[in-house]
Amino acid sequence: MSLDIQSYSHRYIKFQLDDIDTLTRTFQAAPLNCIQTTPGVLGARLYDVSTSRLEVRDAAYAEGVSLTLSDPFPRFALGISLGGDVQVQGVNLNTSNVSYISGANGMIARLKPGARWCNICIDWNLLESAAEVQRYAPIAGDNYYGMPVRIHNQLAATLSSVAQGTLYAEKPDEELEDSLVHAVLHALNAGSGRATYKTNLDRRKHNVHTVIEFIRAEYSRPVTITALCRLTGVSERTLQYHFKMSVGLSIQQYLMHYRLQRARALLLRGHFEHISEVASACGIHHLGRFSQYYRRLFGELPRATLVTSFQ
């Protein structure tokens, strides 16, 4: 039984159900051939977010369950335990590892009663493009990967929050995809010893100005870190570090502040009658979040600013 379906630019679903067939049909990126469960009530609790290029879910089961996909599928898939006994491709997941698969050999995941996990499926073209632009080590095959507990917990919290609609819910699909792919790549490359790319001071200033000019020109459209890395030719880590050192804000914070400043200018000029039109024109597509951020920055709701413009 579906408890809640909300409409974003991407697909968001929350399920509390006991029907296995319904559970099977909820998998979009990697449709399952078979779901088997131990005797008793399935008691599945599922949160799911998907775009055309990725799917992320947070799932818990009262009873033990096995998820089987025998056919190849063109997706990278990663599983991370959120509690209980979770096994993917024969690997027991814990608080310091994840398991990922290429999709070429299908998938087998097993969860014992009371287990909970997050999994994310990503289109290979999206993953490989982001890895190349952000200069992360390439990923291939089926493998499990040990990582520091802190990094593991950060990734688990990010995926769970996205699946439950409490993180990145206001982002357009392209920005949502970029944020999630970066989070996965960052976690998998944590402590890998990949090379550090250095730039001189002039190059640093040039990159920061390039990002600012791009944001000012494109703030009404999706702006992704991958696009900015491609534009400047440096890694995400380097670009974020240089921008924060120079501006005092992260790129995402600067982008949001700039969008809100532009929105306030439009409201004061009285060019729009509806708040939603202003938010959308400035690249913020979640009206509730827009009002929340606007009030936090300017101390009043957008409606109050709009009313003032007509007085």
Protein backbone atom coordinates (compact mmCIF):
# COMPACT_ATOMS: atom_id res chain seq x y z
CA MET A 1 0.00 0.00 0.00
CA SER A 2 1.39 3.39 -0.96
CA LEU A 3 1.38 5.86 1.90
CA ASP A 4 2.72 8.90 0.18
CA ILE A 5 3.61 10.00 -3.35
CA GLN A 6 5.03 13.47 -3.83
CA SER A 7 5.69 15.15 -7.14
CA TYR A 8 9.14 16.60 -7.73
CA SER A 9 11.01 16.97 -11.01
CA HIS A 10 12.24 13.48 -10.16
CA ARG A 11 10.19 10.50 -9.00
CA TYR A 12 9.78 10.15 -5.23
CA ILE A 13 7.89 7.32 -3.54
CA LYS A 14 7.39 6.12 0.01
CA PHE A 15 6.00 2.64 0.56
CA GLN A 16 4.95 0.58 3.53
CA LEU A 17 3.89 -2.76 2.09
CA ASP A 18 3.75 -6.51 2.45
CA ASP A 19 3.16 -7.42 -1.21
CA ILE A 20 6.24 -8.81 -2.95
CA ASP A 21 4.95 -8.17 -6.48
CA THR A 22 4.41 -4.50 -5.67
CA LEU A 23 7.90 -4.32 -4.19
CA THR A 24 9.39 -5.84 -7.36
CA ARG A 25 7.67 -3.27 -9.55
CA THR A 26 9.13 -0.35 -7.58
CA PHE A 27 12.66 -1.08 -8.83
CA GLN A 28 13.19 1.23 -11.81
CA ALA A 29 16.90 1.27 -12.66
CA ALA A 30 17.53 -2.46 -12.11
CA PRO A 31 14.25 -4.43 -12.29
CA LEU A 32 14.50 -7.59 -10.19
CA ASN A 33 13.79 -11.07 -11.48
CA CYS A 34 12.91 -12.47 -8.09
CA ILE A 35 12.28 -11.47 -4.49
CA GLN A 36 12.07 -14.21 -1.90
CA THR A 37 11.28 -13.84 1.77
CA THR A 38 11.28 -15.96 4.89
CA PRO A 39 7.87 -17.00 6.28
CA GLY A 40 5.96 -14.17 7.87
CA VAL A 41 4.92 -10.62 7.02
CA LEU A 42 7.38 -8.90 4.69
CA GLY A 43 6.92 -5.54 6.42
CA ALA A 44 8.93 -3.62 3.84
CA ARG A 45 9.49 0.09 4.46
CA LEU A 46 10.83 1.74 1.35
CA TYR A 47 11.86 5.24 0.31
CA ASP A 48 12.86 5.75 -3.31
CA VAL A 49 14.03 8.62 -5.50
CA SER A 50 14.83 8.17 -9.19
CA THR A 51 15.67 10.15 -12.29
CA SER A 52 16.28 8.84 -15.79
CA ARG A 53 19.95 8.23 -14.91
CA LEU A 54 19.98 7.02 -11.30
CA GLU A 55 17.92 5.56 -8.49
CA VAL A 56 18.57 5.64 -4.75
CA ARG A 57 16.55 3.88 -2.07
CA ASP A 58 16.44 3.28 1.65
CA ALA A 59 14.79 -0.06 2.47
CA ALA A 60 14.12 -2.02 5.64
CA TYR A 61 12.46 -5.43 6.04
CA ALA A 62 10.81 -7.04 9.05
CA GLU A 63 11.48 -10.51 7.57
CA GLY A 64 14.54 -11.87 5.83
CA VAL A 65 14.61 -11.18 2.10
CA SER A 66 16.75 -12.02 -0.94
CA LEU A 67 16.82 -9.79 -4.03
CA THR A 68 17.97 -11.51 -7.21
CA LEU A 69 18.76 -10.09 -10.64
CA SER A 70 20.15 -12.68 -13.04
CA ASP A 71 20.15 -10.57 -16.22
CA PRO A 72 22.88 -7.99 -16.97
CA PHE A 73 21.84 -4.35 -16.70
CA PRO A 74 23.75 -1.20 -17.80
CA ARG A 75 24.11 0.36 -14.37
CA PHE A 76 26.69 0.71 -11.63
CA ALA A 77 25.09 -0.36 -8.35
CA LEU A 78 26.36 0.19 -4.80
CA GLY A 79 25.00 -1.17 -1.52
CA ILE A 80 25.68 0.16 1.97
CA SER A 81 24.39 -1.22 5.27
CA LEU A 82 22.27 0.92 7.57
CA GLY A 83 21.90 -1.79 10.19
CA GLY A 84 21.48 -5.50 10.68
CA ASP A 85 22.86 -8.36 8.59
CA VAL A 86 23.20 -7.32 4.93
CA GLN A 87 25.08 -9.27 2.26
CA VAL A 88 25.72 -8.26 -1.37
CA GLN A 89 27.43 -10.60 -3.85
CA GLY A 90 28.56 -12.76 -0.93
CA VAL A 91 30.13 -9.89 1.02
CA ASN A 92 28.87 -9.05 4.50
CA LEU A 93 28.45 -5.29 4.77
CA ASN A 94 29.41 -3.45 7.95
CA THR A 95 30.15 0.10 9.10
CA SER A 96 33.48 0.27 7.27
CA ASN A 97 32.78 -1.14 3.81
CA VAL A 98 30.46 -1.04 0.81
CA SER A 99 29.90 -3.42 -2.09
CA TYR A 100 29.47 -2.38 -5.70
CA ILE A 101 28.75 -4.19 -8.95
CA SER A 102 29.12 -3.38 -12.63
CA GLY A 103 25.75 -4.82 -13.62
CA ALA A 104 27.34 -7.27 -16.06
CA ASN A 105 26.77 -10.27 -13.80
CA GLY A 106 23.41 -9.39 -12.27
CA MET A 107 23.04 -9.08 -8.51
CA ILE A 108 22.26 -11.08 -5.39
CA ALA A 109 21.56 -9.29 -2.12
CA ARG A 110 20.39 -10.95 1.09
CA LEU A 111 19.09 -9.26 4.21
CA LYS A 112 18.25 -11.01 7.46
CA PRO A 113 15.15 -10.06 9.49
CA GLY A 114 15.31 -6.49 10.72
CA ALA A 115 18.06 -5.45 8.30
CA ARG A 116 18.13 -2.06 6.56
CA TRP A 117 20.26 -0.82 3.68
CA CYS A 118 20.67 1.88 1.04
CA ASN A 119 21.43 1.14 -2.58
CA ILE A 120 22.09 3.40 -5.52
CA CYS A 121 22.13 2.58 -9.25
CA ILE A 122 23.90 5.01 -11.60
CA ASP A 123 24.07 5.12 -15.39
CA TRP A 124 27.61 4.21 -16.45
CA ASN A 125 27.97 7.17 -18.84
CA LEU A 126 27.06 9.55 -16.02
CA LEU A 127 29.47 7.89 -13.59
CA GLU A 128 32.42 7.68 -15.98
CA SER A 129 31.98 11.26 -17.20
CA ALA A 130 31.94 12.62 -13.64
CA ALA A 131 34.96 10.49 -12.66
CA GLU A 132 36.96 11.78 -15.62
CA VAL A 133 36.06 15.43 -15.14
CA GLN A 134 36.58 15.40 -11.37
CA ARG A 135 39.74 13.25 -11.73
CA TYR A 136 38.64 10.33 -9.62
CA ALA A 137 40.03 6.85 -10.13
CA PRO A 138 37.90 4.80 -12.58
CA ILE A 139 35.59 2.11 -11.21
CA ALA A 140 35.01 -1.27 -12.84
CA GLY A 141 33.82 -4.80 -12.13
CA ASP A 142 32.25 -6.23 -8.97
CA ASN A 143 34.07 -5.43 -5.76
CA TYR A 144 33.78 -4.53 -2.12
CA TYR A 145 35.59 -1.53 -0.75
CA GLY A 146 36.80 -0.78 2.75
CA MET A 147 36.58 2.81 3.91
CA PRO A 148 36.93 4.81 7.12
CA VAL A 149 33.86 4.62 9.36
CA ARG A 150 33.42 8.41 9.14
CA ILE A 151 33.28 8.32 5.32
CA HIS A 152 30.97 5.31 5.41
CA ASN A 153 28.57 7.08 7.77
CA GLN A 154 28.60 10.25 5.69
CA LEU A 155 27.72 8.36 2.52
CA ALA A 156 25.03 6.32 4.29
CA ALA A 157 23.47 9.47 5.76
CA THR A 158 23.53 11.24 2.39
CA LEU A 159 21.89 8.38 0.49
CA SER A 160 19.27 7.83 3.18
CA SER A 161 18.41 11.53 3.39
CA VAL A 162 18.07 11.79 -0.39
CA ALA A 163 15.85 8.71 -0.54
CA GLN A 164 13.62 10.11 2.20
CA GLY A 165 13.34 13.47 0.46
CA THR A 166 15.06 15.51 3.17
CA LEU A 167 18.20 16.31 1.16
CA TYR A 168 18.49 17.74 -2.37
CA ALA A 169 14.71 17.45 -2.83
CA GLU A 170 14.60 20.96 -4.30
CA LYS A 171 17.33 20.30 -6.86
CA PRO A 172 16.56 19.75 -10.56
CA ASP A 173 17.43 16.27 -11.82
CA GLU A 174 20.82 17.28 -13.25
CA GLU A 175 21.99 18.83 -9.98
CA LEU A 176 20.62 15.92 -7.94
CA GLU A 177 22.51 13.46 -10.14
CA ASP A 178 25.72 15.46 -9.95
CA SER A 179 25.57 15.71 -6.14
CA LEU A 180 24.94 11.99 -5.66
CA VAL A 181 27.57 10.83 -8.14
CA HIS A 182 30.13 13.07 -6.48
CA ALA A 183 29.22 11.69 -3.03
CA VAL A 184 29.73 8.12 -4.26
CA LEU A 185 33.00 8.87 -6.08
CA HIS A 186 34.35 10.81 -3.12
CA ALA A 187 33.62 7.95 -0.73
CA LEU A 188 35.13 5.30 -3.00
CA ASN A 189 38.27 7.37 -3.50
CA ALA A 190 38.72 8.31 0.15
CA GLY A 191 42.27 7.55 1.18
CA SER A 192 43.15 6.22 -2.26
CA GLY A 193 46.20 8.46 -2.53
CA ARG A 194 45.23 9.91 -5.87
CA ALA A 195 47.45 12.72 -7.12
CA THR A 196 47.01 16.27 -5.90
CA TYR A 197 46.75 18.81 -8.69
CA LYS A 198 48.35 22.15 -7.92
CA THR A 199 47.71 25.48 -9.57
CA ASN A 200 49.54 28.76 -9.11
CA LEU A 201 47.88 31.80 -7.58
CA ASP A 202 46.97 33.39 -10.91
CA ARG A 203 45.36 30.18 -12.11
CA ARG A 204 43.45 29.92 -8.82
CA LYS A 205 42.05 33.43 -9.20
CA HIS A 206 41.15 32.74 -12.82
CA ASN A 207 39.21 29.59 -11.86
CA VAL A 208 37.29 31.37 -9.10
CA HIS A 209 36.34 34.23 -11.43
CA THR A 210 35.32 31.72 -14.10
CA VAL A 211 32.96 30.01 -11.67
CA ILE A 212 31.45 33.32 -10.52
CA GLU A 213 30.91 34.51 -14.08
CA PHE A 214 29.31 31.20 -15.02
CA ILE A 215 26.94 31.31 -12.04
CA ARG A 216 25.93 34.90 -12.80
CA ALA A 217 25.18 33.94 -16.40
CA GLU A 218 23.50 30.57 -15.77
CA TYR A 219 21.96 30.86 -12.28
CA SER A 220 18.45 30.28 -13.64
CA ARG A 221 19.48 26.88 -15.01
CA PRO A 222 20.95 23.77 -13.29
CA VAL A 223 24.57 24.45 -12.26
CA THR A 224 26.60 21.33 -11.43
CA ILE A 225 30.04 20.84 -9.96
CA THR A 226 30.85 18.50 -12.85
CA ALA A 227 30.15 21.29 -15.35
CA LEU A 228 32.30 23.73 -13.38
CA CYS A 229 35.18 21.25 -13.18
CA ARG A 230 34.97 20.71 -16.91
CA LEU A 231 34.93 24.48 -17.45
CA THR A 232 37.99 25.15 -15.27
CA GLY A 233 39.90 21.93 -15.91
CA VAL A 234 40.58 21.13 -12.23
CA SER A 235 39.25 18.54 -9.81
CA GLU A 236 36.21 19.13 -7.63
CA ARG A 237 38.25 19.08 -4.44
CA THR A 238 40.71 21.66 -5.76
CA LEU A 239 37.99 23.91 -7.15
CA GLN A 240 35.94 23.82 -3.94
CA TYR A 241 39.04 24.55 -1.82
CA HIS A 242 40.15 27.49 -3.94
CA PHE A 243 36.64 28.94 -4.11
CA LYS A 244 36.09 28.71 -0.33
CA MET A 245 39.51 30.24 0.33
CA SER A 246 38.79 33.14 -2.03
CA VAL A 247 35.08 33.84 -1.46
CA GLY A 248 34.43 32.48 2.04
CA LEU A 249 31.50 30.35 0.83
CA SER A 250 31.27 27.00 -0.84
CA ILE A 251 30.23 27.02 -4.49
CA GLN A 252 26.78 25.70 -3.55
CA GLN A 253 26.32 28.39 -0.88
CA TYR A 254 27.39 31.13 -3.29
CA LEU A 255 25.01 29.82 -5.96
CA MET A 256 22.07 29.79 -3.57
CA HIS A 257 22.87 33.25 -2.21
CA TYR A 258 23.14 34.64 -5.74
CA ARG A 259 19.84 33.05 -6.76
CA LEU A 260 18.13 34.52 -3.71
CA GLN A 261 19.60 37.97 -4.38
CA ARG A 262 18.30 37.86 -7.94
CA ALA A 263 14.90 36.72 -6.69
CA ARG A 264 14.72 39.65 -4.26
CA ALA A 265 15.55 42.05 -7.08
CA LEU A 266 12.71 40.65 -9.18
CA LEU A 267 10.26 40.81 -6.29
CA LEU A 268 11.13 44.43 -5.51
CA ARG A 269 10.66 45.40 -9.15
CA GLY A 270 7.21 43.80 -9.18
CA HIS A 271 7.84 42.02 -12.49
CA PHE A 272 6.01 38.87 -11.34
CA GLU A 273 2.68 38.37 -9.59
CA HIS A 274 3.37 34.88 -8.26
CA ILE A 275 6.16 33.78 -5.91
CA SER A 276 6.52 30.44 -7.72
CA GLU A 277 7.33 32.26 -10.96
CA VAL A 278 10.13 34.20 -9.29
CA ALA A 279 11.60 31.11 -7.65
CA SER A 280 11.54 29.18 -10.92
CA ALA A 281 13.05 32.10 -12.84
CA CYS A 282 15.99 32.03 -10.43
CA GLY A 283 16.59 28.30 -10.64
CA ILE A 284 14.89 27.28 -7.36
CA HIS A 285 12.12 24.82 -8.13
CA HIS A 286 10.88 23.92 -4.64
CA LEU A 287 8.65 26.72 -3.40
CA GLY A 288 8.74 25.68 0.27
CA ARG A 289 12.53 25.59 0.34
CA PHE A 290 12.69 28.89 -1.55
CA SER A 291 10.60 30.62 1.11
CA GLN A 292 12.63 29.03 3.90
CA TYR A 293 15.99 30.09 2.45
CA TYR A 294 14.69 33.54 1.53
CA ARG A 295 13.46 34.25 5.04
CA ARG A 296 16.70 32.98 6.55
CA LEU A 297 18.75 35.36 4.37
CA PHE A 298 16.51 38.47 4.32
CA GLY A 299 14.47 38.15 7.52
CA GLU A 300 11.11 38.16 5.76
CA LEU A 301 9.06 35.92 3.51
CA PRO A 302 9.03 36.52 -0.27
CA ARG A 303 5.36 37.50 -0.05
CA ALA A 304 6.22 40.43 2.24
CA THR A 305 8.79 41.70 -0.26
CA LEU A 306 6.31 41.38 -3.13
CA VAL A 307 3.61 43.30 -1.25
CA THR A 308 6.10 46.09 -0.53
CA SER A 309 6.86 46.45 -4.26
CA PHE A 310 3.20 47.25 -5.01
CA GLN A 311 2.80 49.91 -2.32
